[in-house]
C-alpha atoms as a PDB file:
ATOM      1  CA  UNK A   1     -22.922 -28.205  -0.091  1.00  0.00           C
ATOM      2  CA  UNK A   2     -22.040 -26.527  -3.415  1.00  0.00           C
ATOM      3  CA  UNK A   3     -18.505 -24.860  -3.742  1.00  0.00           C
ATOM      4  CA  UNK A   4     -19.983 -21.407  -4.563  1.00  0.00           C
ATOM      5  CA  UNK A   5     -21.997 -21.730  -1.306  1.00  0.00           C
ATOM      6  CA  UNK A   6     -19.020 -22.505   0.721  1.00  0.00           C
ATOM      7  CA  UNK A   7     -17.050 -19.549  -0.966  1.00  0.00           C
ATOM      8  CA  UNK A   8     -19.973 -17.140  -0.309  1.00  0.00           C
ATOM      9  CA  UNK A   9     -20.060 -18.093   3.417  1.00  0.00           C
ATOM     10  CA  UNK A  10     -16.331 -17.527   3.895  1.00  0.00           C
ATOM     11  CA  UNK A  11     -16.454 -14.258   1.953  1.00  0.00           C
ATOM     12  CA  UNK A  12     -19.357 -12.805   3.965  1.00  0.00           C
ATOM     13  CA  UNK A  13     -17.479 -13.854   7.188  1.00  0.00           C
ATOM     14  CA  UNK A  14     -14.234 -12.320   6.179  1.00  0.00           C
ATOM     15  CA  UNK A  15     -15.387  -9.259   4.525  1.00  0.00           C
ATOM     16  CA  UNK A  16     -16.469  -7.524   7.906  1.00  0.00           C
ATOM     17  CA  UNK A  17     -15.089  -7.006  11.261  1.00  0.00           C
ATOM     18  CA  UNK A  18     -12.293  -9.811  10.914  1.00  0.00           C
ATOM     19  CA  UNK A  19     -10.818  -8.261   7.898  1.00  0.00           C
ATOM     20  CA  UNK A  20     -10.952  -4.838   9.515  1.00  0.00           C
ATOM     21  CA  UNK A  21      -9.285  -6.071  12.622  1.00  0.00           C
ATOM     22  CA  UNK A  22      -6.521  -7.904  10.580  1.00  0.00           C
ATOM     23  CA  UNK A  23      -5.875  -4.898   8.379  1.00  0.00           C
ATOM     24  CA  UNK A  24      -5.822  -2.189  11.020  1.00  0.00           C
ATOM     25  CA  UNK A  25      -4.326  -4.483  13.687  1.00  0.00           C
ATOM     26  CA  UNK A  26      -1.656  -5.423  11.328  1.00  0.00           C
ATOM     27  CA  UNK A  27      -1.047  -1.925  10.544  1.00  0.00           C
ATOM     28  CA  UNK A  28      -0.814  -0.691  14.037  1.00  0.00           C
ATOM     29  CA  UNK A  29       1.552  -3.772  14.942  1.00  0.00           C
ATOM     30  CA  UNK A  30       3.963  -3.085  12.021  1.00  0.00           C
ATOM     31  CA  UNK A  31       3.917   0.710  12.601  1.00  0.00           C
ATOM     32  CA  UNK A  32       4.683   0.360  16.300  1.00  0.00           C
ATOM     33  CA  UNK A  33       7.437  -2.426  15.562  1.00  0.00           C
ATOM     34  CA  UNK A  34       8.962  -0.427  12.721  1.00  0.00           C
ATOM     35  CA  UNK A  35       9.031   2.793  14.663  1.00  0.00           C
ATOM     36  CA  UNK A  36       6.350   4.495  12.527  1.00  0.00           C
ATOM     37  CA  UNK A  37       8.173   4.666   9.099  1.00  0.00           C
ATOM     38  CA  UNK A  38       5.290   6.696   7.669  1.00  0.00           C
ATOM     39  CA  UNK A  39       6.505   9.792   9.983  1.00  0.00           C
ATOM     40  CA  UNK A  40      10.319   9.091   9.479  1.00  0.00           C
ATOM     41  CA  UNK A  41      10.048   8.926   5.711  1.00  0.00           C
ATOM     42  CA  UNK A  42       8.522  12.437   5.389  1.00  0.00           C
ATOM     43  CA  UNK A  43      11.749  14.070   4.999  1.00  0.00           C
ATOM     44  CA  UNK A  44      12.921  11.862   2.250  1.00  0.00           C
ATOM     45  CA  UNK A  45       9.457  12.174   0.586  1.00  0.00           C
ATOM     46  CA  UNK A  46       9.705  15.996   0.898  1.00  0.00           C
ATOM     47  CA  UNK A  47      13.290  16.001  -0.820  1.00  0.00           C
ATOM     48  CA  UNK A  48      11.888  13.794  -3.568  1.00  0.00           C
ATOM     49  CA  UNK A  49       8.703  15.517  -4.274  1.00  0.00           C
ATOM     50  CA  UNK A  50      10.487  18.904  -4.763  1.00  0.00           C
ATOM     51  CA  UNK A  51      13.049  17.477  -7.144  1.00  0.00           C
ATOM     52  CA  UNK A  52      10.177  16.425  -9.300  1.00  0.00           C
ATOM     53  CA  UNK A  53       9.562  19.938 -10.404  1.00  0.00           C
ATOM     54  CA  UNK A  54      12.914  20.715 -11.459  1.00  0.00           C
ATOM     55  CA  UNK A  55      13.592  21.252 -15.175  1.00  0.00           C
ATOM     56  CA  UNK A  56      15.920  18.716 -16.880  1.00  0.00           C
ATOM     57  CA  UNK A  57      17.568  18.649 -20.174  1.00  0.00           C
ATOM     58  CA  UNK A  58      16.499  15.276 -21.652  1.00  0.00           C
ATOM     59  CA  UNK A  59      15.344  13.917 -24.761  1.00  0.00           C
ATOM     60  CA  UNK A  60      11.840  14.852 -25.971  1.00  0.00           C
ATOM     61  CA  UNK A  61      10.246  11.447 -26.226  1.00  0.00           C
ATOM     62  CA  UNK A  62      11.356  10.180 -22.520  1.00  0.00           C
ATOM     63  CA  UNK A  63       9.115  10.666 -19.585  1.00  0.00           C
ATOM     64  CA  UNK A  64       9.929  13.475 -17.059  1.00  0.00           C
ATOM     65  CA  UNK A  65      10.443  12.609 -13.399  1.00  0.00           C
ATOM     66  CA  UNK A  66       7.030  14.353 -12.644  1.00  0.00           C
ATOM     67  CA  UNK A  67       5.367  12.310 -15.519  1.00  0.00           C
ATOM     68  CA  UNK A  68       6.802   9.073 -14.062  1.00  0.00           C
ATOM     69  CA  UNK A  69       5.683  10.011 -10.506  1.00  0.00           C
ATOM     70  CA  UNK A  70       2.209  10.947 -11.634  1.00  0.00           C
ATOM     71  CA  UNK A  71       1.824   7.420 -13.441  1.00  0.00           C
ATOM     72  CA  UNK A  72       3.026   5.502 -10.434  1.00  0.00           C
ATOM     73  CA  UNK A  73       0.661   7.641  -8.092  1.00  0.00           C
ATOM     74  CA  UNK A  74      -2.452   6.933 -10.313  1.00  0.00           C
ATOM     75  CA  UNK A  75      -1.502   3.309 -10.427  1.00  0.00           C
ATOM     76  CA  UNK A  76      -1.478   3.222  -6.611  1.00  0.00           C
ATOM     77  CA  UNK A  77      -4.469   5.298  -5.920  1.00  0.00           C
ATOM     78  CA  UNK A  78      -6.850   4.248  -8.720  1.00  0.00           C
ATOM     79  CA  UNK A  79     -10.263   5.431  -9.496  1.00  0.00           C
ATOM     80  CA  UNK A  80     -11.669   2.868  -7.124  1.00  0.00           C
ATOM     81  CA  UNK A  81     -10.198   4.970  -4.105  1.00  0.00           C
ATOM     82  CA  UNK A  82     -11.437   8.004  -5.297  1.00  0.00           C
ATOM     83  CA  UNK A  83     -14.974   6.761  -5.750  1.00  0.00           C
ATOM     84  CA  UNK A  84     -14.770   4.815  -2.571  1.00  0.00           C
ATOM     85  CA  UNK A  85     -13.960   8.022  -0.506  1.00  0.00           C
ATOM     86  CA  UNK A  86     -16.963   9.789  -2.194  1.00  0.00           C
ATOM     87  CA  UNK A  87     -19.207   6.959  -1.249  1.00  0.00           C
ATOM     88  CA  UNK A  88     -17.880   6.607   2.324  1.00  0.00           C
ATOM     89  CA  UNK A  89     -18.680  10.356   2.861  1.00  0.00           C
ATOM     90  CA  UNK A  90     -22.117   9.881   1.303  1.00  0.00           C
ATOM     91  CA  UNK A  91     -22.959   6.922   3.515  1.00  0.00           C
ATOM     92  CA  UNK A  92     -21.006   7.903   6.755  1.00  0.00           C
ATOM     93  CA  UNK A  93     -21.008  11.605   6.744  1.00  0.00           C
ATOM     94  CA  UNK A  94     -18.262  14.039   7.336  1.00  0.00           C
ATOM     95  CA  UNK A  95     -16.993  12.137  10.503  1.00  0.00           C
ATOM     96  CA  UNK A  96     -16.048   9.159   8.172  1.00  0.00           C
ATOM     97  CA  UNK A  97     -13.049  11.357   6.966  1.00  0.00           C
ATOM     98  CA  UNK A  98     -11.473  11.050  10.245  1.00  0.00           C
ATOM     99  CA  UNK A  99     -11.574   7.401  10.271  1.00  0.00           C
ATOM    100  CA  UNK A 100     -10.292   7.157   6.584  1.00  0.00           C
ATOM    101  CA  UNK A 101      -7.232   9.193   7.718  1.00  0.00           C
ATOM    102  CA  UNK A 102      -6.694   6.817  10.681  1.00  0.00           C
ATOM    103  CA  UNK A 103      -7.046   3.798   8.619  1.00  0.00           C
ATOM    104  CA  UNK A 104      -4.883   5.223   5.809  1.00  0.00           C
ATOM    105  CA  UNK A 105      -2.060   6.300   8.343  1.00  0.00           C
ATOM    106  CA  UNK A 106      -1.753   2.584   9.769  1.00  0.00           C
ATOM    107  CA  UNK A 107      -2.276   1.303   6.051  1.00  0.00           C
ATOM    108  CA  UNK A 108       0.873   3.210   5.125  1.00  0.00           C
ATOM    109  CA  UNK A 109       2.704   0.824   7.725  1.00  0.00           C
ATOM    110  CA  UNK A 110       1.478  -2.018   5.831  1.00  0.00           C
ATOM    111  CA  UNK A 111       2.347  -0.668   2.306  1.00  0.00           C
ATOM    112  CA  UNK A 112       5.779   0.129   3.697  1.00  0.00           C
ATOM    113  CA  UNK A 113       6.313  -3.429   4.571  1.00  0.00           C
ATOM    114  CA  UNK A 114       4.960  -4.672   1.349  1.00  0.00           C
ATOM    115  CA  UNK A 115       7.196  -2.419  -0.608  1.00  0.00           C
ATOM    116  CA  UNK A 116      10.196  -3.276   1.588  1.00  0.00           C
ATOM    117  CA  UNK A 117       9.747  -6.946   1.186  1.00  0.00           C
ATOM    118  CA  UNK A 118       9.370  -6.633  -2.571  1.00  0.00           C
ATOM    119  CA  UNK A 119      12.879  -5.127  -2.958  1.00  0.00           C
ATOM    120  CA  UNK A 120      14.865  -6.732  -0.267  1.00  0.00           C
ATOM    121  CA  UNK A 121      15.668 -10.444   0.170  1.00  0.00           C
ATOM    122  CA  UNK A 122      16.616 -12.454   3.097  1.00  0.00           C
ATOM    123  CA  UNK A 123      20.473 -12.038   2.248  1.00  0.00           C
ATOM    124  CA  UNK A 124      20.088  -8.118   2.263  1.00  0.00           C
ATOM    125  CA  UNK A 125      20.789  -7.930  -1.514  1.00  0.00           C
ATOM    126  CA  UNK A 126      18.324  -5.996  -3.680  1.00  0.00           C
ATOM    127  CA  UNK A 127      15.986  -8.223  -5.855  1.00  0.00           C
ATOM    128  CA  UNK A 128      12.517  -8.052  -7.048  1.00  0.00           C
ATOM    129  CA  UNK A 129       9.426  -9.407  -5.769  1.00  0.00           C
ATOM    130  CA  UNK A 130       9.222 -12.424  -7.829  1.00  0.00           C
ATOM    131  CA  UNK A 131      12.834 -13.402  -6.448  1.00  0.00           C
ATOM    132  CA  UNK A 132      11.525 -12.841  -2.876  1.00  0.00           C
ATOM    133  CA  UNK A 133       8.224 -14.984  -3.468  1.00  0.00           C
ATOM    134  CA  UNK A 134      10.449 -17.753  -5.176  1.00  0.00           C
ATOM    135  CA  UNK A 135      12.738 -17.693  -1.877  1.00  0.00           C
ATOM    136  CA  UNK A 136       9.649 -17.974   0.440  1.00  0.00           C
ATOM    137  CA  UNK A 137       8.192 -20.648  -1.744  1.00  0.00           C
ATOM    138  CA  UNK A 138      11.396 -22.882  -1.703  1.00  0.00           C
ATOM    139  CA  UNK A 139      11.646 -22.569   2.064  1.00  0.00           C
ATOM    140  CA  UNK A 140       7.874 -23.623   2.637  1.00  0.00           C
ATOM    141  CA  UNK A 141       8.386 -26.657   0.056  1.00  0.00           C
ATOM    142  CA  UNK A 142      11.404 -27.915   1.675  1.00  0.00           C
END
């Protein structure tokens, strides 16, 4: 059997119900295990977002807090997500918006864990994602 055929067979199996179960199941599990961080962080997010609109006296060629926030948000959301929502509503109707909200809510639990692991190492000190992955790789190799 050709390698492409094997990859296509695995791809057609994973991109269906199993992936949906893994993503939503993982999001539900992590949300429950962590005490629903997507709700607890709303207070912090509220303070952070309202500070973005305060005027700062800074250099003219540096980015403002709002510009930095908008750039990070655009990189996170992307045009694929915007087009995906429109296509989902076109195919599934208005009721699909509810299921997008549910999956987005539990997806926030996955995103929280991903970001937390990207800035924390096993020793509790701050470090980047590359340092974290390096430590994981060393523990698996030894």
